PDB file of all heavy atoms in Angstrom:
ATOM      1  N   VAL A   1      52.176   3.897 -69.957  1.00  0.00           N
ATOM      2  CA  VAL A   1      53.444   4.610 -69.915  1.00  0.00           C
ATOM      3  C   VAL A   1      53.257   6.094 -69.540  1.00  0.00           C
ATOM      4  O   VAL A   1      53.954   6.631 -68.709  1.00  0.00           O
ATOM      5  CB  VAL A   1      54.180   4.462 -71.294  1.00  0.00           C
ATOM      6  CG1 VAL A   1      55.324   5.443 -71.390  1.00  0.00           C
ATOM      7  CG2 VAL A   1      54.613   3.081 -71.454  1.00  0.00           C
ATOM      8  N   LYS A   2      52.255   6.672 -70.179  1.00  0.00           N
ATOM      9  CA  LYS A   2      51.978   8.112 -69.933  1.00  0.00           C
ATOM     10  C   LYS A   2      51.553   8.321 -68.454  1.00  0.00           C
ATOM     11  O   LYS A   2      52.038   9.246 -67.779  1.00  0.00           O
ATOM     12  CB  LYS A   2      50.833   8.567 -70.837  1.00  0.00           C
ATOM     13  CG  LYS A   2      50.499   9.999 -70.761  1.00  0.00           C
ATOM     14  CD  LYS A   2      49.646  10.434 -71.968  1.00  0.00           C
ATOM     15  CE  LYS A   2      48.370   9.598 -72.014  1.00  0.00           C
ATOM     16  NZ  LYS A   2      47.438  10.032 -73.141  1.00  0.00           N
ATOM     17  N   THR A   3      50.718   7.442 -67.963  1.00  0.00           N
ATOM     18  CA  THR A   3      50.321   7.539 -66.506  1.00  0.00           C
ATOM     19  C   THR A   3      51.516   7.415 -65.605  1.00  0.00           C
ATOM     20  O   THR A   3      51.693   8.181 -64.674  1.00  0.00           O
ATOM     21  CB  THR A   3      49.296   6.446 -66.142  1.00  0.00           C
ATOM     22  OG1 THR A   3      48.119   6.634 -66.943  1.00  0.00           O
ATOM     23  CG2 THR A   3      48.921   6.436 -64.688  1.00  0.00           C
ATOM     24  N   ALA A   4      52.338   6.453 -65.861  1.00  0.00           N
ATOM     25  CA  ALA A   4      53.497   6.181 -65.026  1.00  0.00           C
ATOM     26  C   ALA A   4      54.455   7.402 -65.042  1.00  0.00           C
ATOM     27  O   ALA A   4      54.879   7.891 -63.939  1.00  0.00           O
ATOM     28  CB  ALA A   4      54.278   4.924 -65.536  1.00  0.00           C
ATOM     29  N   LEU A   5      54.791   7.872 -66.236  1.00  0.00           N
ATOM     30  CA  LEU A   5      55.660   9.023 -66.323  1.00  0.00           C
ATOM     31  C   LEU A   5      55.127  10.273 -65.665  1.00  0.00           C
ATOM     32  O   LEU A   5      55.861  11.056 -65.029  1.00  0.00           O
ATOM     33  CB  LEU A   5      56.047   9.326 -67.787  1.00  0.00           C
ATOM     34  CG  LEU A   5      56.862   8.187 -68.478  1.00  0.00           C
ATOM     35  CD1 LEU A   5      57.130   8.578 -69.935  1.00  0.00           C
ATOM     36  CD2 LEU A   5      58.133   7.948 -67.784  1.00  0.00           C
ATOM     37  N   ASN A   6      53.816  10.509 -65.775  1.00  0.00           N
ATOM     38  CA  ASN A   6      53.206  11.702 -65.184  1.00  0.00           C
ATOM     39  C   ASN A   6      53.005  11.544 -63.692  1.00  0.00           C
ATOM     40  O   ASN A   6      52.609  12.511 -63.044  1.00  0.00           O
ATOM     41  CB  ASN A   6      51.933  12.028 -65.901  1.00  0.00           C
ATOM     42  CG  ASN A   6      52.148  12.512 -67.337  1.00  0.00           C
ATOM     43  OD1 ASN A   6      53.194  13.020 -67.669  1.00  0.00           O
ATOM     44  ND2 ASN A   6      51.146  12.432 -68.203  1.00  0.00           N
ATOM     45  N   HIS A   7      53.339  10.365 -63.151  1.00  0.00           N
ATOM     46  CA  HIS A   7      53.229  10.152 -61.725  1.00  0.00           C
ATOM     47  C   HIS A   7      54.626   9.794 -61.107  1.00  0.00           C
ATOM     48  O   HIS A   7      54.663   9.186 -60.051  1.00  0.00           O
ATOM     49  CB  HIS A   7      52.224   9.055 -61.369  1.00  0.00           C
ATOM     50  CG  HIS A   7      50.803   9.515 -61.515  1.00  0.00           C
ATOM     51  ND1 HIS A   7      50.130   9.506 -62.662  1.00  0.00           N
ATOM     52  CD2 HIS A   7      49.945  10.084 -60.554  1.00  0.00           C
ATOM     53  CE1 HIS A   7      48.869   9.977 -62.477  1.00  0.00           C
ATOM     54  NE2 HIS A   7      48.752  10.386 -61.227  1.00  0.00           N
ATOM     55  N   GLY A   8      55.689  10.264 -61.764  1.00  0.00           N
ATOM     56  CA  GLY A   8      56.979  10.191 -61.164  1.00  0.00           C
ATOM     57  C   GLY A   8      57.912   9.087 -61.631  1.00  0.00           C
ATOM     58  O   GLY A   8      59.066   9.100 -61.338  1.00  0.00           O
ATOM     59  N   TYR A   9      57.368   8.083 -62.404  1.00  0.00           N
ATOM     60  CA  TYR A   9      58.282   7.074 -62.954  1.00  0.00           C
ATOM     61  C   TYR A   9      59.232   7.716 -63.954  1.00  0.00           C
ATOM     62  O   TYR A   9      58.850   8.652 -64.677  1.00  0.00           O
ATOM     63  CB  TYR A   9      57.456   6.017 -63.717  1.00  0.00           C
ATOM     64  CG  TYR A   9      56.692   5.042 -62.895  1.00  0.00           C
ATOM     65  CD1 TYR A   9      55.586   5.428 -62.135  1.00  0.00           C
ATOM     66  CD2 TYR A   9      56.925   3.665 -62.915  1.00  0.00           C
ATOM     67  CE1 TYR A   9      54.809   4.530 -61.404  1.00  0.00           C
ATOM     68  CE2 TYR A   9      56.218   2.742 -62.241  1.00  0.00           C
ATOM     69  CZ  TYR A   9      55.123   3.163 -61.438  1.00  0.00           C
ATOM     70  OH  TYR A   9      54.410   2.258 -60.717  1.00  0.00           O
ATOM     71  N   ARG A  10      60.446   7.180 -64.017  1.00  0.00           N
ATOM     72  CA  ARG A  10      61.393   7.672 -65.060  1.00  0.00           C
ATOM     73  C   ARG A  10      62.052   6.459 -65.733  1.00  0.00           C
ATOM     74  O   ARG A  10      63.212   6.674 -66.248  1.00  0.00           O
ATOM     75  CB  ARG A  10      62.380   8.594 -64.402  1.00  0.00           C
ATOM     76  CG  ARG A  10      61.790   9.899 -63.914  1.00  0.00           C
ATOM     77  CD  ARG A  10      61.244  10.759 -65.093  1.00  0.00           C
ATOM     78  NE  ARG A  10      60.674  12.032 -64.624  1.00  0.00           N
ATOM     79  CZ  ARG A  10      59.475  12.210 -64.344  1.00  0.00           C
ATOM     80  NH1 ARG A  10      58.605  11.211 -64.376  1.00  0.00           N
ATOM     81  NH2 ARG A  10      58.977  13.426 -63.929  1.00  0.00           N
ATOM     82  N   HIS A  11      61.500   5.364 -65.741  1.00  0.00           N
ATOM     83  CA  HIS A  11      62.139   4.124 -66.241  1.00  0.00           C
ATOM     84  C   HIS A  11      61.036   3.255 -66.837  1.00  0.00           C
ATOM     85  O   HIS A  11      60.058   2.911 -66.192  1.00  0.00           O
ATOM     86  CB  HIS A  11      62.807   3.442 -65.053  1.00  0.00           C
ATOM     87  CG  HIS A  11      63.473   2.099 -65.368  1.00  0.00           C
ATOM     88  ND1 HIS A  11      64.220   1.470 -64.391  1.00  0.00           N
ATOM     89  CD2 HIS A  11      63.483   1.289 -66.428  1.00  0.00           C
ATOM     90  CE1 HIS A  11      64.648   0.268 -64.922  1.00  0.00           C
ATOM     91  NE2 HIS A  11      64.204   0.189 -66.124  1.00  0.00           N
ATOM     92  N   VAL A  12      61.165   2.870 -68.145  1.00  0.00           N
ATOM     93  CA  VAL A  12      60.221   2.006 -68.830  1.00  0.00           C
ATOM     94  C   VAL A  12      60.908   0.867 -69.502  1.00  0.00           C
ATOM     95  O   VAL A  12      61.911   1.056 -70.186  1.00  0.00           O
ATOM     96  CB  VAL A  12      59.378   2.792 -69.870  1.00  0.00           C
ATOM     97  CG1 VAL A  12      58.348   1.869 -70.549  1.00  0.00           C
ATOM     98  CG2 VAL A  12      58.739   4.041 -69.279  1.00  0.00           C
ATOM     99  N   ASP A  13      60.458  -0.372 -69.204  1.00  0.00           N
ATOM    100  CA  ASP A  13      61.095  -1.570 -69.708  1.00  0.00           C
ATOM    101  C   ASP A  13      60.213  -2.296 -70.658  1.00  0.00           C
ATOM    102  O   ASP A  13      59.108  -2.775 -70.296  1.00  0.00           O
ATOM    103  CB  ASP A  13      61.532  -2.456 -68.513  1.00  0.00           C
ATOM    104  CG  ASP A  13      62.222  -3.775 -68.968  1.00  0.00           C
ATOM    105  OD1 ASP A  13      61.521  -4.668 -69.413  1.00  0.00           O
ATOM    106  OD2 ASP A  13      63.395  -3.826 -68.806  1.00  0.00           O
ATOM    107  N   THR A  14      60.674  -2.463 -71.912  1.00  0.00           N
ATOM    108  CA  THR A  14      59.938  -3.231 -72.955  1.00  0.00           C
ATOM    109  C   THR A  14      60.873  -4.243 -73.537  1.00  0.00           C
ATOM    110  O   THR A  14      61.984  -4.465 -73.125  1.00  0.00           O
ATOM    111  CB  THR A  14      59.236  -2.328 -73.989  1.00  0.00           C
ATOM    112  OG1 THR A  14      58.469  -3.090 -74.869  1.00  0.00           O
ATOM    113  CG2 THR A  14      60.272  -1.507 -74.768  1.00  0.00           C
ATOM    114  N   ALA A  15      60.454  -4.885 -74.625  1.00  0.00           N
ATOM    115  CA  ALA A  15      61.199  -5.852 -75.416  1.00  0.00           C
ATOM    116  C   ALA A  15      60.577  -6.080 -76.730  1.00  0.00           C
ATOM    117  O   ALA A  15      59.362  -5.861 -76.883  1.00  0.00           O
ATOM    118  CB  ALA A  15      61.319  -7.201 -74.650  1.00  0.00           C
ATOM    119  N   SER A  16      61.369  -6.464 -77.714  1.00  0.00           N
ATOM    120  CA  SER A  16      60.809  -6.627 -79.057  1.00  0.00           C
ATOM    121  C   SER A  16      59.694  -7.719 -79.084  1.00  0.00           C
ATOM    122  O   SER A  16      58.729  -7.552 -79.743  1.00  0.00           O
ATOM    123  CB  SER A  16      61.879  -6.950 -80.057  1.00  0.00           C
ATOM    124  OG  SER A  16      62.571  -8.170 -79.674  1.00  0.00           O
ATOM    125  N   ILE A  17      59.927  -8.746 -78.265  1.00  0.00           N
ATOM    126  CA  ILE A  17      58.964  -9.883 -78.221  1.00  0.00           C
ATOM    127  C   ILE A  17      57.636  -9.427 -77.590  1.00  0.00           C
ATOM    128  O   ILE A  17      56.596 -10.131 -77.801  1.00  0.00           O
ATOM    129  CB  ILE A  17      59.572 -11.089 -77.491  1.00  0.00           C
ATOM    130  CG1 ILE A  17      58.731 -12.384 -77.815  1.00  0.00           C
ATOM    131  CG2 ILE A  17      59.637 -10.819 -76.033  1.00  0.00           C
ATOM    132  CD1 ILE A  17      58.749 -12.822 -79.216  1.00  0.00           C
ATOM    133  N   TYR A  18      57.633  -8.330 -76.864  1.00  0.00           N
ATOM    134  CA  TYR A  18      56.358  -7.910 -76.259  1.00  0.00           C
ATOM    135  C   TYR A  18      55.418  -7.310 -77.345  1.00  0.00           C
ATOM    136  O   TYR A  18      54.198  -7.114 -77.029  1.00  0.00           O
ATOM    137  CB  TYR A  18      56.603  -6.825 -75.221  1.00  0.00           C
ATOM    138  CG  TYR A  18      57.424  -7.242 -74.029  1.00  0.00           C
ATOM    139  CD1 TYR A  18      57.905  -6.299 -73.112  1.00  0.00           C
ATOM    140  CD2 TYR A  18      57.838  -8.574 -73.798  1.00  0.00           C
ATOM    141  CE1 TYR A  18      58.665  -6.681 -71.999  1.00  0.00           C
ATOM    142  CE2 TYR A  18      58.589  -8.924 -72.744  1.00  0.00           C
ATOM    143  CZ  TYR A  18      59.007  -7.918 -71.852  1.00  0.00           C
ATOM    144  OH  TYR A  18      59.802  -8.345 -70.765  1.00  0.00           O
ATOM    145  N   ASN A  19      55.937  -6.910 -78.506  1.00  0.00           N
ATOM    146  CA  ASN A  19      55.107  -6.389 -79.546  1.00  0.00           C
ATOM    147  C   ASN A  19      54.332  -5.171 -79.111  1.00  0.00           C
ATOM    148  O   ASN A  19      53.180  -4.914 -79.549  1.00  0.00           O
ATOM    149  CB  ASN A  19      54.131  -7.461 -80.105  1.00  0.00           C
ATOM    150  CG  ASN A  19      54.840  -8.571 -80.788  1.00  0.00           C
ATOM    151  OD1 ASN A  19      55.775  -8.399 -81.541  1.00  0.00           O
ATOM    152  ND2 ASN A  19      54.450  -9.805 -80.475  1.00  0.00           N
ATOM    153  N   ASN A  20      55.004  -4.327 -78.339  1.00  0.00           N
ATOM    154  CA  ASN A  20      54.342  -3.092 -77.900  1.00  0.00           C
ATOM    155  C   ASN A  20      55.264  -1.869 -77.897  1.00  0.00           C
ATOM    156  O   ASN A  20      54.942  -0.848 -77.239  1.00  0.00           O
ATOM    157  CB  ASN A  20      53.637  -3.255 -76.533  1.00  0.00           C
ATOM    158  CG  ASN A  20      54.586  -3.638 -75.420  1.00  0.00           C
ATOM    159  OD1 ASN A  20      55.801  -3.532 -75.567  1.00  0.00           O
ATOM    160  ND2 ASN A  20      54.014  -4.089 -74.334  1.00  0.00           N
ATOM    161  N   GLU A  21      56.411  -1.969 -78.572  1.00  0.00           N
ATOM    162  CA  GLU A  21      57.381  -0.877 -78.535  1.00  0.00           C
ATOM    163  C   GLU A  21      56.789   0.342 -79.169  1.00  0.00           C
ATOM    164  O   GLU A  21      57.054   1.463 -78.654  1.00  0.00           O
ATOM    165  CB  GLU A  21      58.647  -1.336 -79.283  1.00  0.00           C
ATOM    166  CG  GLU A  21      59.442  -2.329 -78.505  1.00  0.00           C
ATOM    167  CD  GLU A  21      60.626  -2.899 -79.367  1.00  0.00           C
ATOM    168  OE1 GLU A  21      60.413  -3.145 -80.554  1.00  0.00           O
ATOM    169  OE2 GLU A  21      61.693  -3.122 -78.780  1.00  0.00           O
ATOM    170  N   LYS A  22      55.958   0.257 -80.206  1.00  0.00           N
ATOM    171  CA  LYS A  22      55.430   1.419 -80.841  1.00  0.00           C
ATOM    172  C   LYS A  22      54.562   2.213 -79.856  1.00  0.00           C
ATOM    173  O   LYS A  22      54.657   3.437 -79.685  1.00  0.00           O
ATOM    174  CB  LYS A  22      54.574   1.025 -82.055  1.00  0.00           C
ATOM    175  CG  LYS A  22      54.011   2.214 -82.811  1.00  0.00           C
ATOM    176  CD  LYS A  22      53.270   1.765 -84.071  1.00  0.00           C
ATOM    177  CE  LYS A  22      52.718   2.967 -84.862  1.00  0.00           C
ATOM    178  NZ  LYS A  22      51.957   2.543 -86.051  1.00  0.00           N
ATOM    179  N   GLY A  23      53.739   1.475 -79.088  1.00  0.00           N
ATOM    180  CA  GLY A  23      52.867   2.127 -78.092  1.00  0.00           C
ATOM    181  C   GLY A  23      53.656   2.726 -76.951  1.00  0.00           C
ATOM    182  O   GLY A  23      53.292   3.785 -76.405  1.00  0.00           O
ATOM    183  N   VAL A  24      54.757   2.048 -76.556  1.00  0.00           N
ATOM    184  CA  VAL A  24      55.630   2.615 -75.529  1.00  0.00           C
ATOM    185  C   VAL A  24      56.206   3.960 -75.963  1.00  0.00           C
ATOM    186  O   VAL A  24      56.156   4.986 -75.232  1.00  0.00           O
ATOM    187  CB  VAL A  24      56.792   1.626 -75.234  1.00  0.00           C
ATOM    188  CG1 VAL A  24      57.853   2.348 -74.379  1.00  0.00           C
ATOM    189  CG2 VAL A  24      56.197   0.425 -74.504  1.00  0.00           C
ATOM    190  N   GLY A  25      56.650   4.043 -77.205  1.00  0.00           N
ATOM    191  CA  GLY A  25      57.181   5.326 -77.721  1.00  0.00           C
ATOM    192  C   GLY A  25      56.129   6.393 -77.758  1.00  0.00           C
ATOM    193  O   GLY A  25      56.405   7.533 -77.433  1.00  0.00           O
ATOM    194  N   GLN A  26      54.946   6.019 -78.124  1.00  0.00           N
ATOM    195  CA  GLN A  26      53.791   6.939 -78.130  1.00  0.00           C
ATOM    196  C   GLN A  26      53.551   7.535 -76.755  1.00  0.00           C
ATOM    197  O   GLN A  26      53.312   8.698 -76.555  1.00  0.00           O
ATOM    198  CB  GLN A  26      52.571   6.332 -78.738  1.00  0.00           C
ATOM    199  CG  GLN A  26      52.610   6.030 -80.171  1.00  0.00           C
ATOM    200  CD  GLN A  26      51.483   5.232 -80.740  1.00  0.00           C
ATOM    201  OE1 GLN A  26      50.752   4.607 -79.983  1.00  0.00           O
ATOM    202  NE2 GLN A  26      51.298   5.212 -82.023  1.00  0.00           N
ATOM    203  N   GLY A  27      53.537   6.566 -75.766  1.00  0.00           N
ATOM    204  CA  GLY A  27      53.296   7.011 -74.397  1.00  0.00           C
ATOM    205  C   GLY A  27      54.378   8.003 -73.903  1.00  0.00           C
ATOM    206  O   GLY A  27      54.044   8.917 -73.218  1.00  0.00           O
ATOM    207  N   ILE A  28      55.599   7.769 -74.258  1.00  0.00           N
ATOM    208  CA  ILE A  28      56.690   8.675 -73.864  1.00  0.00           C
ATOM    209  C   ILE A  28      56.476  10.052 -74.430  1.00  0.00           C
ATOM    210  O   ILE A  28      56.524  11.082 -73.762  1.00  0.00           O
ATOM    211  CB  ILE A  28      58.054   8.095 -74.279  1.00  0.00           C
ATOM    212  CG1 ILE A  28      58.338   6.818 -73.494  1.00  0.00           C
ATOM    213  CG2 ILE A  28      59.180   9.102 -74.064  1.00  0.00           C
ATOM    214  CD1 ILE A  28      59.547   6.017 -73.997  1.00  0.00           C
ATOM    215  N   ARG A  29      56.148  10.089 -75.738  1.00  0.00           N
ATOM    216  CA  ARG A  29      55.931  11.354 -76.391  1.00  0.00           C
ATOM    217  C   ARG A  29      54.681  12.101 -75.886  1.00  0.00           C
ATOM    218  O   ARG A  29      54.640  13.302 -75.835  1.00  0.00           O
ATOM    219  CB  ARG A  29      55.855  11.175 -77.966  1.00  0.00           C
ATOM    220  CG  ARG A  29      57.185  10.831 -78.594  1.00  0.00           C
ATOM    221  CD  ARG A  29      57.105  10.801 -80.078  1.00  0.00           C
ATOM    222  NE  ARG A  29      56.235   9.708 -80.556  1.00  0.00           N
ATOM    223  CZ  ARG A  29      56.585   8.432 -80.670  1.00  0.00           C
ATOM    224  NH1 ARG A  29      57.769   8.046 -80.310  1.00  0.00           N
ATOM    225  NH2 ARG A  29      55.781   7.533 -81.115  1.00  0.00           N
ATOM    226  N   GLN A  30      53.639  11.358 -75.515  1.00  0.00           N
ATOM    227  CA  GLN A  30      52.389  11.960 -75.045  1.00  0.00           C
ATOM    228  C   GLN A  30      52.503  12.432 -73.618  1.00  0.00           C
ATOM    229  O   GLN A  30      51.654  13.127 -73.114  1.00  0.00           O
ATOM    230  CB  GLN A  30      51.257  10.949 -75.194  1.00  0.00           C
ATOM    231  CG  GLN A  30      50.883  10.678 -76.637  1.00  0.00           C
ATOM    232  CD  GLN A  30      49.900   9.541 -76.791  1.00  0.00           C
ATOM    233  OE1 GLN A  30      49.515   8.939 -75.802  1.00  0.00           O
ATOM    234  NE2 GLN A  30      49.584   9.205 -77.996  1.00  0.00           N
ATOM    235  N   SER A  31      53.536  12.013 -72.838  1.00  0.00           N
ATOM    236  CA  SER A  31      53.698  12.454 -71.457  1.00  0.00           C
ATOM    237  C   SER A  31      54.252  13.847 -71.432  1.00  0.00           C
ATOM    238  O   SER A  31      54.535  14.482 -72.490  1.00  0.00           O
ATOM    239  CB  SER A  31      54.668  11.514 -70.745  1.00  0.00           C
ATOM    240  OG  SER A  31      56.001  11.753 -71.174  1.00  0.00           O
ATOM    241  N   ASN A  32      54.312  14.415 -70.243  1.00  0.00           N
ATOM    242  CA  ASN A  32      54.891  15.738 -70.075  1.00  0.00           C
ATOM    243  C   ASN A  32      56.380  15.700 -69.756  1.00  0.00           C
ATOM    244  O   ASN A  32      56.901  16.713 -69.345  1.00  0.00           O
ATOM    245  CB  ASN A  32      54.141  16.469 -68.995  1.00  0.00           C
ATOM    246  CG  ASN A  32      52.665  16.610 -69.294  1.00  0.00           C
ATOM    247  OD1 ASN A  32      52.253  16.888 -70.409  1.00  0.00           O
ATOM    248  ND2 ASN A  32      51.810  16.361 -68.252  1.00  0.00           N
ATOM    249  N   ILE A  33      56.982  14.585 -70.007  1.00  0.00           N
ATOM    250  CA  ILE A  33      58.377  14.402 -69.584  1.00  0.00           C
ATOM    251  C   ILE A  33      59.327  14.422 -70.768  1.00  0.00           C
ATOM    252  O   ILE A  33      59.054  13.751 -71.760  1.00  0.00           O
ATOM    253  CB  ILE A  33      58.542  13.074 -68.791  1.00  0.00           C
ATOM    254  CG1 ILE A  33      57.465  12.946 -67.719  1.00  0.00           C
ATOM    255  CG2 ILE A  33      59.962  12.954 -68.224  1.00  0.00           C
ATOM    256  CD1 ILE A  33      57.449  14.079 -66.695  1.00  0.00           C
ATOM    257  N   ALA A  34      60.422  15.107 -70.669  1.00  0.00           N
ATOM    258  CA  ALA A  34      61.441  15.197 -71.722  1.00  0.00           C
ATOM    259  C   ALA A  34      62.067  13.861 -71.936  1.00  0.00           C
ATOM    260  O   ALA A  34      62.284  13.083 -70.964  1.00  0.00           O
ATOM    261  CB  ALA A  34      62.457  16.265 -71.383  1.00  0.00           C
ATOM    262  N   ARG A  35      62.438  13.562 -73.141  1.00  0.00           N
ATOM    263  CA  ARG A  35      63.023  12.260 -73.519  1.00  0.00           C
ATOM    264  C   ARG A  35      64.286  11.984 -72.651  1.00  0.00           C
ATOM    265  O   ARG A  35      64.472  10.860 -72.205  1.00  0.00           O
ATOM    266  CB  ARG A  35      63.355  12.211 -74.979  1.00  0.00           C
ATOM    267  CG  ARG A  35      64.379  11.110 -75.390  1.00  0.00           C
ATOM    268  CD  ARG A  35      63.703   9.655 -75.220  1.00  0.00           C
ATOM    269  NE  ARG A  35      64.625   8.621 -75.517  1.00  0.00           N
ATOM    270  CZ  ARG A  35      65.310   7.945 -74.562  1.00  0.00           C
ATOM    271  NH1 ARG A  35      65.112   8.191 -73.253  1.00  0.00           N
ATOM    272  NH2 ARG A  35      66.108   6.979 -74.884  1.00  0.00           N
ATOM    273  N   ASP A  36      65.147  12.943 -72.401  1.00  0.00           N
ATOM    274  CA  ASP A  36      66.360  12.692 -71.720  1.00  0.00           C
ATOM    275  C   ASP A  36      66.178  12.475 -70.221  1.00  0.00           C
ATOM    276  O   ASP A  36      67.158  12.168 -69.557  1.00  0.00           O
ATOM    277  CB  ASP A  36      67.370  13.853 -71.965  1.00  0.00           C
ATOM    278  CG  ASP A  36      66.922  15.187 -71.422  1.00  0.00           C
ATOM    279  OD1 ASP A  36      65.809  15.295 -70.870  1.00  0.00           O
ATOM    280  OD2 ASP A  36      67.618  16.221 -71.682  1.00  0.00           O
ATOM    281  N   GLU A  37      64.958  12.584 -69.772  1.00  0.00           N
ATOM    282  CA  GLU A  37      64.651  12.262 -68.363  1.00  0.00           C
ATOM    283  C   GLU A  37      64.088  10.849 -68.193  1.00  0.00           C
ATOM    284  O   GLU A  37      63.818  10.430 -67.074  1.00  0.00           O
ATOM    285  CB  GLU A  37      63.647  13.295 -67.765  1.00  0.00           C
ATOM    286  CG  GLU A  37      64.210  14.679 -67.668  1.00  0.00           C
ATOM    287  CD  GLU A  37      63.267  15.628 -67.034  1.00  0.00           C
ATOM    288  OE1 GLU A  37      62.409  15.186 -66.238  1.00  0.00           O
ATOM    289  OE2 GLU A  37      63.311  16.856 -67.392  1.00  0.00           O
ATOM    290  N   VAL A  38      63.866  10.156 -69.325  1.00  0.00           N
ATOM    291  CA  VAL A  38      63.242   8.838 -69.282  1.00  0.00           C
ATOM    292  C   VAL A  38      64.271   7.765 -69.628  1.00  0.00           C
ATOM    293  O   VAL A  38      64.930   7.839 -70.660  1.00  0.00           O
ATOM    294  CB  VAL A  38      62.018   8.750 -70.219  1.00  0.00           C
ATOM    295  CG1 VAL A  38      61.328   7.409 -70.075  1.00  0.00           C
ATOM    296  CG2 VAL A  38      61.071   9.889 -69.951  1.00  0.00           C
ATOM    297  N   PHE A  39      64.378   6.775 -68.780  1.00  0.00           N
ATOM    298  CA  PHE A  39      65.315   5.647 -69.033  1.00  0.00           C
ATOM    299  C   PHE A  39      64.580   4.556 -69.748  1.00  0.00           C
ATOM    300  O   PHE A  39      63.728   3.860 -69.161  1.00  0.00           O
ATOM    301  CB  PHE A  39      65.868   5.137 -67.634  1.00  0.00           C
ATOM    302  CG  PHE A  39      67.010   4.215 -67.708  1.00  0.00           C
ATOM    303  CD1 PHE A  39      68.333   4.686 -67.708  1.00  0.00           C
ATOM    304  CD2 PHE A  39      66.819   2.829 -67.787  1.00  0.00           C
ATOM    305  CE1 PHE A  39      69.396   3.816 -67.763  1.00  0.00           C
ATOM    306  CE2 PHE A  39      67.866   1.940 -67.868  1.00  0.00           C
ATOM    307  CZ  PHE A  39      69.186   2.434 -67.886  1.00  0.00           C
TER     308      PHE A  39
END
């Protein structure tokens, strides 16, 4: 997620059944991108 956001992505798609929502949230916060810029 961090790599994607720092290379221009602004959209991340997860699901509860993927069992990785916590890590997705961490990646968003660790990126250099503001929350309101990420879909």
